[in-house]
Protein backbone atom coordinates (compact mmCIF):
# COMPACT_ATOMS: atom_id res chain seq x y z
CA MET A 1 64.56 149.41 188.77
CA GLN A 2 65.50 150.67 192.32
CA GLU A 3 67.33 147.58 193.27
CA VAL A 4 70.01 148.14 190.23
CA SER A 5 69.89 152.09 190.16
CA THR A 6 73.10 153.66 190.27
CA GLU A 7 71.68 156.85 192.06
CA ARG A 8 72.68 157.26 195.67
CA PHE A 9 69.26 158.18 196.91
CA ILE A 10 65.77 157.29 195.68
CA GLU A 11 62.83 159.37 196.32
CA ILE A 12 60.13 157.54 198.29
CA PRO A 13 56.57 157.97 196.33
CA GLY A 14 53.89 159.84 197.92
CA GLY A 15 51.98 156.98 198.08
CA VAL A 16 54.28 154.86 200.23
CA LEU A 17 54.86 157.73 202.53
CA ASP A 18 51.10 158.11 202.97
CA VAL A 19 50.97 154.69 204.33
CA TYR A 20 53.95 154.98 206.36
CA ARG A 21 52.66 158.08 208.14
CA GLN A 22 50.08 155.74 209.52
CA TRP A 23 52.40 154.52 212.33
CA ARG A 24 55.56 156.71 211.84
CA PRO A 25 57.56 158.26 212.85
CA SER A 26 58.25 155.73 215.71
CA PRO A 27 59.03 157.23 218.85
CA LEU A 28 62.52 157.40 220.25
CA PHE A 29 63.22 156.57 223.80
CA ARG A 30 66.24 157.22 225.92
CA ALA A 31 68.01 154.42 227.46
CA HIS A 32 68.80 155.95 230.89
CA ARG A 33 69.83 152.53 232.29
CA LEU A 34 72.16 151.50 229.38
CA GLU A 35 74.03 155.21 229.81
CA LYS A 36 74.28 154.42 233.68
CA ALA A 37 75.48 151.12 233.10
CA LEU A 38 77.98 152.20 230.84
CA GLY A 39 79.18 155.23 232.77
CA THR A 40 79.00 157.48 229.65
CA PRO A 41 78.05 161.14 229.46
CA ALA A 42 76.39 160.28 225.97
CA ARG A 43 72.80 160.13 225.59
CA ILE A 44 71.82 156.65 223.89
CA TYR A 45 68.26 156.56 222.20
CA TYR A 46 66.59 153.59 220.73
CA LYS A 47 63.75 153.32 218.36
CA TYR A 48 60.59 151.56 219.26
CA GLU A 49 58.85 149.88 216.43
CA GLY A 50 56.23 148.51 218.72
CA VAL A 51 53.53 151.15 217.38
CA SER A 52 53.39 149.17 214.20
CA PRO A 53 51.46 146.04 214.64
CA ALA A 54 53.65 144.08 212.40
CA GLY A 55 57.09 145.31 213.28
CA SER A 56 59.11 147.55 211.07
CA HIS A 57 60.87 145.21 208.45
CA LYS A 58 57.45 143.74 206.86
CA PRO A 59 55.81 146.97 206.12
CA ASN A 60 58.66 148.79 205.08
CA THR A 61 59.40 146.30 202.39
CA ALA A 62 55.60 145.10 201.75
CA VAL A 63 54.05 148.75 201.40
CA PRO A 64 56.45 149.90 198.02
CA GLN A 65 56.21 146.45 196.58
CA ALA A 66 52.28 146.76 196.64
CA TYR A 67 52.68 150.36 195.68
CA TYR A 68 54.52 149.78 192.46
CA ASN A 69 52.71 146.34 191.55
CA LYS A 70 49.38 148.44 191.61
CA LYS A 71 50.77 151.15 189.30
CA GLU A 72 51.88 148.10 186.78
CA GLY A 73 48.30 146.87 187.18
CA THR A 74 48.85 143.56 189.11
CA LYS A 75 45.85 142.04 190.48
CA LEU A 76 47.04 139.20 193.00
CA LEU A 77 50.41 140.09 194.99
CA THR A 78 52.08 138.08 197.57
CA THR A 79 55.16 140.24 199.08
CA GLU A 80 58.35 139.22 200.65
CA THR A 81 60.62 140.74 203.29
CA GLY A 82 63.91 139.23 202.25
CA ALA A 83 64.27 137.69 205.90
CA GLY A 84 63.82 134.07 204.77
């Protein structure tokens, strides 16, 4: 129902947040060399997803899929990422 909801925001279930907390928050790093190369006074940061062994995309989608399927009583599951 999340995909077809008309709600602007949908709360992330506590069970999903508990799993995300195992590798989040992902640390932010300042891009000093990029700032210098651009000659900008702005501070530029990037998010490092290397703390999650699988990167960010797969767990971000697979965890909620597994959570909701378990609630529905599914016994076997293969998740997809939408990445092709």
